[in-house]
C-alpha atoms as a PDB file:
ATOM      1  CA  MET A   1       0.000   0.000   0.000  1.00  0.00           C
ATOM      2  CA  ARG A   2       1.359   3.425  -0.835  1.00  0.00           C
ATOM      3  CA  SER A   3       2.071   5.961   1.854  1.00  0.00           C
ATOM      4  CA  ARG A   4      -0.924   7.663   3.383  1.00  0.00           C
ATOM      5  CA  SER A   5      -1.641  11.202   2.347  1.00  0.00           C
ATOM      6  CA  PHE A   6      -3.863  13.568   4.246  1.00  0.00           C
ATOM      7  CA  ASN A   7      -5.736  16.681   3.224  1.00  0.00           C
ATOM      8  CA  LYS A   8      -5.433  19.973   5.095  1.00  0.00           C
ATOM      9  CA  ALA A   9      -8.111  18.861   7.576  1.00  0.00           C
ATOM     10  CA  GLY A  10      -5.956  15.854   8.545  1.00  0.00           C
ATOM     11  CA  LYS A  11      -8.249  13.284   6.942  1.00  0.00           C
ATOM     12  CA  PHE A  12      -7.470  10.553   4.408  1.00  0.00           C
ATOM     13  CA  HIS A  13      -7.882  11.503   0.791  1.00  0.00           C
ATOM     14  CA  GLN A  14     -10.877   9.764  -0.713  1.00  0.00           C
ATOM     15  CA  ASP A  15      -8.759   7.372  -2.803  1.00  0.00           C
ATOM     16  CA  GLU A  16      -6.944   6.152   0.332  1.00  0.00           C
ATOM     17  CA  PHE A  17     -10.274   5.439   1.980  1.00  0.00           C
ATOM     18  CA  HIS A  18     -11.436   3.416  -1.026  1.00  0.00           C
ATOM     19  CA  ILE A  19      -8.251   1.327  -1.049  1.00  0.00           C
ATOM     20  CA  ILE A  20      -8.633   0.488   2.662  1.00  0.00           C
ATOM     21  CA  PHE A  21     -12.378  -0.175   2.278  1.00  0.00           C
ATOM     22  CA  TYR A  22     -11.784  -2.432  -0.753  1.00  0.00           C
ATOM     23  CA  TYR A  23      -9.084  -4.385   1.110  1.00  0.00           C
ATOM     24  CA  PHE A  24     -11.222  -5.148   4.153  1.00  0.00           C
ATOM     25  CA  VAL A  25     -14.318  -5.986   2.117  1.00  0.00           C
ATOM     26  CA  HIS A  26     -12.249  -8.690   0.395  1.00  0.00           C
ATOM     27  CA  VAL A  27     -10.594  -9.811   3.644  1.00  0.00           C
ATOM     28  CA  LYS A  28     -14.071 -10.253   5.131  1.00  0.00           C
ATOM     29  CA  LYS A  29     -15.151 -12.359   2.136  1.00  0.00           C
ATOM     30  CA  PHE A  30     -11.995 -14.471   2.295  1.00  0.00           C
ATOM     31  CA  ILE A  31     -12.228 -15.063   6.058  1.00  0.00           C
ATOM     32  CA  ARG A  32     -15.865 -16.157   5.636  1.00  0.00           C
ATOM     33  CA  GLU A  33     -14.863 -18.549   2.852  1.00  0.00           C
ATOM     34  CA  TYR A  34     -11.938 -19.844   4.917  1.00  0.00           C
ATOM     35  CA  ALA A  35     -14.323 -20.537   7.837  1.00  0.00           C
ATOM     36  CA  GLN A  36     -16.689 -22.425   5.507  1.00  0.00           C
ATOM     37  CA  TYR A  37     -13.736 -24.336   4.073  1.00  0.00           C
ATOM     38  CA  ASN A  38     -12.559 -25.277   7.580  1.00  0.00           C
ATOM     39  CA  VAL A  39     -15.959 -26.819   8.393  1.00  0.00           C
ATOM     40  CA  TRP A  40     -16.101 -28.620   5.021  1.00  0.00           C
ATOM     41  CA  ALA A  41     -12.563 -30.058   5.242  1.00  0.00           C
ATOM     42  CA  ASN A  42     -12.911 -31.088   8.895  1.00  0.00           C
ATOM     43  CA  GLN A  43     -16.184 -32.862   8.122  1.00  0.00           C
ATOM     44  CA  LEU A  44     -14.528 -34.789   5.275  1.00  0.00           C
ATOM     45  CA  ILE A  45     -11.549 -35.892   7.368  1.00  0.00           C
ATOM     46  CA  CYS A  46     -13.758 -36.743  10.375  1.00  0.00           C
ATOM     47  CA  ARG A  47     -15.911 -39.023   8.198  1.00  0.00           C
ATOM     48  CA  VAL A  48     -12.797 -41.019   7.345  1.00  0.00           C
ATOM     49  CA  ILE A  49     -11.678 -41.186  10.982  1.00  0.00           C
ATOM     50  CA  ALA A  50     -15.160 -42.319  12.055  1.00  0.00           C
ATOM     51  CA  SER A  51     -14.717 -45.455   9.945  1.00  0.00           C
ATOM     52  CA  LEU A  52     -11.362 -46.496  11.446  1.00  0.00           C
ATOM     53  CA  SER A  53     -10.654 -49.167  14.003  1.00  0.00           C
ATOM     54  CA  GLU A  54      -9.521 -48.223  17.489  1.00  0.00           C
ATOM     55  CA  GLU A  55      -6.149 -49.744  16.653  1.00  0.00           C
ATOM     56  CA  GLN A  56      -5.713 -47.402  13.667  1.00  0.00           C
ATOM     57  CA  ILE A  57      -6.695 -44.299  15.652  1.00  0.00           C
ATOM     58  CA  MET A  58      -4.323 -45.113  18.511  1.00  0.00           C
ATOM     59  CA  LYS A  59      -1.397 -46.448  16.421  1.00  0.00           C
ATOM     60  CA  GLU A  60       1.845 -44.662  17.360  1.00  0.00           C
ATOM     61  CA  MET A  61       3.547 -43.084  14.337  1.00  0.00           C
ATOM     62  CA  SER A  62       6.181 -40.473  13.651  1.00  0.00           C
ATOM     63  CA  SER A  63       4.553 -37.031  13.595  1.00  0.00           C
ATOM     64  CA  SER A  64       4.175 -33.889  15.692  1.00  0.00           C
ATOM     65  CA  PHE A  65       1.342 -35.670  17.503  1.00  0.00           C
ATOM     66  CA  THR A  66       2.027 -39.385  17.406  1.00  0.00           C
ATOM     67  CA  THR A  67      -1.480 -40.772  16.810  1.00  0.00           C
ATOM     68  CA  ILE A  68      -4.498 -39.867  14.725  1.00  0.00           C
ATOM     69  CA  GLN A  69      -6.421 -39.234  17.959  1.00  0.00           C
ATOM     70  CA  LYS A  70      -3.742 -36.929  19.406  1.00  0.00           C
ATOM     71  CA  THR A  71      -3.595 -34.929  16.163  1.00  0.00           C
ATOM     72  CA  LEU A  72      -7.368 -34.566  15.988  1.00  0.00           C
ATOM     73  CA  LEU A  73      -7.511 -33.574  19.667  1.00  0.00           C
ATOM     74  CA  HIS A  74      -4.871 -30.928  18.956  1.00  0.00           C
ATOM     75  CA  ILE A  75      -7.029 -29.410  16.192  1.00  0.00           C
ATOM     76  CA  TRP A  76     -10.000 -29.409  18.572  1.00  0.00           C
ATOM     77  CA  ASP A  77      -7.897 -27.892  21.384  1.00  0.00           C
ATOM     78  CA  ALA A  78      -6.599 -25.102  19.178  1.00  0.00           C
ATOM     79  CA  GLN A  79     -10.029 -24.200  17.833  1.00  0.00           C
ATOM     80  CA  LEU A  80     -11.532 -24.190  21.325  1.00  0.00           C
ATOM     81  CA  ILE A  81      -8.675 -22.147  22.798  1.00  0.00           C
ATOM     82  CA  TRP A  82      -8.975 -19.528  20.040  1.00  0.00           C
ATOM     83  CA  ILE A  83     -12.770 -19.366  20.385  1.00  0.00           C
ATOM     84  CA  ASN A  84     -12.259 -18.604  24.076  1.00  0.00           C
ATOM     85  CA  ARG A  85      -9.671 -15.936  23.277  1.00  0.00           C
ATOM     86  CA  LEU A  86     -11.979 -14.319  20.726  1.00  0.00           C
ATOM     87  CA  GLU A  87     -14.653 -14.249  23.434  1.00  0.00           C
ATOM     88  CA  GLY A  88     -12.242 -12.653  25.924  1.00  0.00           C
ATOM     89  CA  VAL A  89     -11.448 -15.754  27.985  1.00  0.00           C
ATOM     90  CA  SER A  90      -7.855 -16.824  28.589  1.00  0.00           C
ATOM     91  CA  VAL A  91      -7.224 -20.561  28.676  1.00  0.00           C
ATOM     92  CA  THR A  92      -4.346 -21.912  30.747  1.00  0.00           C
ATOM     93  CA  ALA A  93      -4.613 -25.643  30.018  1.00  0.00           C
ATOM     94  CA  TYR A  94      -5.289 -27.736  26.948  1.00  0.00           C
ATOM     95  CA  PRO A  95      -8.934 -28.866  27.055  1.00  0.00           C
ATOM     96  CA  SER A  96      -8.032 -32.378  25.831  1.00  0.00           C
ATOM     97  CA  ALA A  97      -5.547 -32.936  28.661  1.00  0.00           C
ATOM     98  CA  THR A  98      -8.312 -34.667  30.596  1.00  0.00           C
ATOM     99  CA  PHE A  99     -10.310 -36.008  27.630  1.00  0.00           C
ATOM    100  CA  GLU A 100     -11.648 -39.507  28.270  1.00  0.00           C
ATOM    101  CA  GLY A 101     -14.601 -39.371  25.905  1.00  0.00           C
ATOM    102  CA  THR A 102     -15.575 -41.475  22.937  1.00  0.00           C
ATOM    103  CA  ARG A 103     -14.412 -41.184  19.351  1.00  0.00           C
ATOM    104  CA  GLU A 104     -17.832 -39.772  18.469  1.00  0.00           C
ATOM    105  CA  GLU A 105     -17.472 -37.053  21.124  1.00  0.00           C
ATOM    106  CA  MET A 106     -14.020 -36.177  19.796  1.00  0.00           C
ATOM    107  CA  LEU A 107     -15.265 -35.951  16.196  1.00  0.00           C
ATOM    108  CA  GLU A 108     -18.282 -33.919  17.280  1.00  0.00           C
ATOM    109  CA  GLY A 109     -15.979 -31.593  19.252  1.00  0.00           C
ATOM    110  CA  VAL A 110     -13.928 -30.825  16.145  1.00  0.00           C
ATOM    111  CA  ILE A 111     -17.014 -30.259  13.988  1.00  0.00           C
ATOM    112  CA  SER A 112     -18.880 -28.182  16.582  1.00  0.00           C
ATOM    113  CA  THR A 113     -15.903 -25.867  17.200  1.00  0.00           C
ATOM    114  CA  SER A 114     -15.450 -25.512  13.424  1.00  0.00           C
ATOM    115  CA  LYS A 115     -19.098 -24.483  13.108  1.00  0.00           C
ATOM    116  CA  LYS A 116     -18.813 -22.141  16.099  1.00  0.00           C
ATOM    117  CA  LEU A 117     -15.880 -20.389  14.400  1.00  0.00           C
ATOM    118  CA  GLN A 118     -17.952 -20.094  11.232  1.00  0.00           C
ATOM    119  CA  LYS A 119     -20.771 -18.513  13.263  1.00  0.00           C
ATOM    120  CA  ILE A 120     -18.368 -16.077  14.943  1.00  0.00           C
ATOM    121  CA  VAL A 121     -17.023 -15.054  11.526  1.00  0.00           C
ATOM    122  CA  SER A 122     -20.540 -14.573  10.122  1.00  0.00           C
ATOM    123  CA  LEU A 123     -21.256 -11.989  12.836  1.00  0.00           C
ATOM    124  CA  LEU A 124     -18.132  -9.895  12.218  1.00  0.00           C
ATOM    125  CA  ASP A 125     -18.098  -6.819  10.027  1.00  0.00           C
ATOM    126  CA  LYS A 126     -15.003  -5.232   8.509  1.00  0.00           C
ATOM    127  CA  THR A 127     -14.517  -3.028  11.580  1.00  0.00           C
ATOM    128  CA  ASP A 128     -14.546  -6.103  13.837  1.00  0.00           C
ATOM    129  CA  LEU A 129     -12.030  -7.869  11.603  1.00  0.00           C
ATOM    130  CA  LYS A 130      -9.609  -4.950  11.920  1.00  0.00           C
ATOM    131  CA  SER A 131     -10.084  -4.666  15.678  1.00  0.00           C
ATOM    132  CA  VAL A 132      -7.249  -5.816  17.897  1.00  0.00           C
ATOM    133  CA  LYS A 133      -7.725  -8.490  20.550  1.00  0.00           C
ATOM    134  CA  LYS A 134      -5.563  -8.705  23.650  1.00  0.00           C
ATOM    135  CA  TYR A 135      -5.160 -12.199  25.070  1.00  0.00           C
ATOM    136  CA  ALA A 136      -2.927 -14.369  27.212  1.00  0.00           C
ATOM    137  CA  THR A 137      -0.826 -17.084  25.631  1.00  0.00           C
ATOM    138  CA  MET A 138      -0.668 -20.543  27.187  1.00  0.00           C
ATOM    139  CA  SER A 139       2.599 -19.538  28.862  1.00  0.00           C
ATOM    140  CA  GLY A 140       0.981 -16.431  30.394  1.00  0.00           C
ATOM    141  CA  GLY A 141       2.366 -13.756  28.080  1.00  0.00           C
ATOM    142  CA  ILE A 142       0.018 -10.970  27.001  1.00  0.00           C
ATOM    143  CA  VAL A 143      -0.097 -10.297  23.256  1.00  0.00           C
ATOM    144  CA  THR A 144      -2.331  -8.563  20.714  1.00  0.00           C
ATOM    145  CA  SER A 145      -3.486  -9.509  17.228  1.00  0.00           C
ATOM    146  CA  SER A 146      -6.180  -8.238  14.895  1.00  0.00           C
ATOM    147  CA  GLN A 147      -9.176 -10.546  14.638  1.00  0.00           C
ATOM    148  CA  TYR A 148      -8.659 -11.248  10.937  1.00  0.00           C
ATOM    149  CA  GLN A 149      -5.074 -12.361  11.672  1.00  0.00           C
ATOM    150  CA  VAL A 150      -6.270 -14.632  14.482  1.00  0.00           C
ATOM    151  CA  LEU A 151      -8.942 -16.180  12.261  1.00  0.00           C
ATOM    152  CA  ALA A 152      -6.541 -16.702   9.353  1.00  0.00           C
ATOM    153  CA  HIS A 153      -4.131 -18.364  11.799  1.00  0.00           C
ATOM    154  CA  ILE A 154      -6.811 -20.704  13.185  1.00  0.00           C
ATOM    155  CA  PHE A 155      -7.885 -21.927   9.754  1.00  0.00           C
ATOM    156  CA  ASN A 156      -4.315 -22.237   8.508  1.00  0.00           C
ATOM    157  CA  HIS A 157      -3.397 -24.179  11.667  1.00  0.00           C
ATOM    158  CA  SER A 158      -6.213 -26.664  11.074  1.00  0.00           C
ATOM    159  CA  THR A 159      -5.134 -27.044   7.442  1.00  0.00           C
ATOM    160  CA  HIS A 160      -1.571 -27.802   8.528  1.00  0.00           C
ATOM    161  CA  HIS A 161      -2.645 -30.533  10.941  1.00  0.00           C
ATOM    162  CA  ARG A 162      -5.190 -31.996   8.511  1.00  0.00           C
ATOM    163  CA  GLY A 163      -2.212 -32.501   6.208  1.00  0.00           C
ATOM    164  CA  GLN A 164      -0.501 -34.421   8.987  1.00  0.00           C
ATOM    165  CA  LEU A 165      -3.680 -36.453   9.473  1.00  0.00           C
ATOM    166  CA  VAL A 166      -3.611 -37.444   5.805  1.00  0.00           C
ATOM    167  CA  THR A 167      -0.074 -38.784   6.227  1.00  0.00           C
ATOM    168  CA  LEU A 168      -1.023 -40.599   9.443  1.00  0.00           C
ATOM    169  CA  LEU A 169      -4.115 -42.055   7.788  1.00  0.00           C
ATOM    170  CA  ARG A 170      -2.059 -43.368   4.868  1.00  0.00           C
ATOM    171  CA  THR A 171       0.463 -44.848   7.298  1.00  0.00           C
ATOM    172  CA  ALA A 172      -2.436 -46.505   9.153  1.00  0.00           C
ATOM    173  CA  GLY A 173      -3.500 -48.211   5.926  1.00  0.00           C
ATOM    174  CA  VAL A 174      -6.228 -45.908   4.601  1.00  0.00           C
ATOM    175  CA  THR A 175      -6.018 -45.860   0.805  1.00  0.00           C
ATOM    176  CA  GLU A 176      -8.976 -43.680  -0.164  1.00  0.00           C
ATOM    177  CA  LEU A 177      -8.897 -40.158   1.202  1.00  0.00           C
ATOM    178  CA  PRO A 178     -10.975 -37.104   0.302  1.00  0.00           C
ATOM    179  CA  LYS A 179      -9.320 -34.169  -1.443  1.00  0.00           C
ATOM    180  CA  THR A 180      -9.350 -31.389   1.128  1.00  0.00           C
ATOM    181  CA  ASP A 181      -7.313 -28.744  -0.701  1.00  0.00           C
ATOM    182  CA  LEU A 182      -8.909 -25.295  -0.688  1.00  0.00           C
ATOM    183  CA  ILE A 183      -9.322 -25.290  -4.475  1.00  0.00           C
ATOM    184  CA  PHE A 184     -11.535 -28.408  -4.289  1.00  0.00           C
ATOM    185  CA  PHE A 185     -13.784 -26.576  -1.815  1.00  0.00           C
ATOM    186  CA  TYR A 186     -14.088 -23.661  -4.257  1.00  0.00           C
ATOM    187  CA  ARG A 187     -14.782 -25.990  -7.186  1.00  0.00           C
ATOM    188  CA  GLU A 188     -17.443 -27.909  -5.263  1.00  0.00           C
ATOM    189  CA  ASN A 189     -19.174 -24.705  -4.180  1.00  0.00           C
ATOM    190  CA  ARG A 190     -18.998 -23.250  -7.691  1.00  0.00           C
ATOM    191  CA  ALA A 191     -20.604 -26.417  -9.046  1.00  0.00           C
ATOM    192  CA  LYS A 192     -23.480 -26.001  -6.547  1.00  0.00           C
ATOM    193  CA  SER A 193     -24.119 -22.398  -7.656  1.00  0.00           C
END
């Protein structure tokens, strides 16, 4: 973006305003699409995991999180932690640290937090997206980020770990996996229009 220029009254020139307005209108659209994509991709991957044996879900493998269950719980944790932060609540422990629920509860947790993020995004306007949130990190540090940066991070984080899940699923013997790349989401939605 070029340097900001002001008129004699100290206000943005009209063309500067239009550039900023245009940018955040498109950021809002992209963040909404990214939230929809996150729900779509998590539903696809959860359907595959729902069909696995307990042995496959708990099989130890080489990855950041060493089982399919641990990786999925990490996605759920992250989404839940960020939802709390967006709502002004600081979390000091990973929610899954004490998880003893069923596979169905775990899958539902991932899907429900994905949908909750989509709902949060649907309620935000461009002013909200630009607004800065102050929150505590897990280690207790206080930091700030704009809401659109936080949301982009959440959805990118889930994408990263879904990629790890694909590798873990292949290692566990799954041969047919859904295509969860963002472009496939866009193509599927375009086909529905």
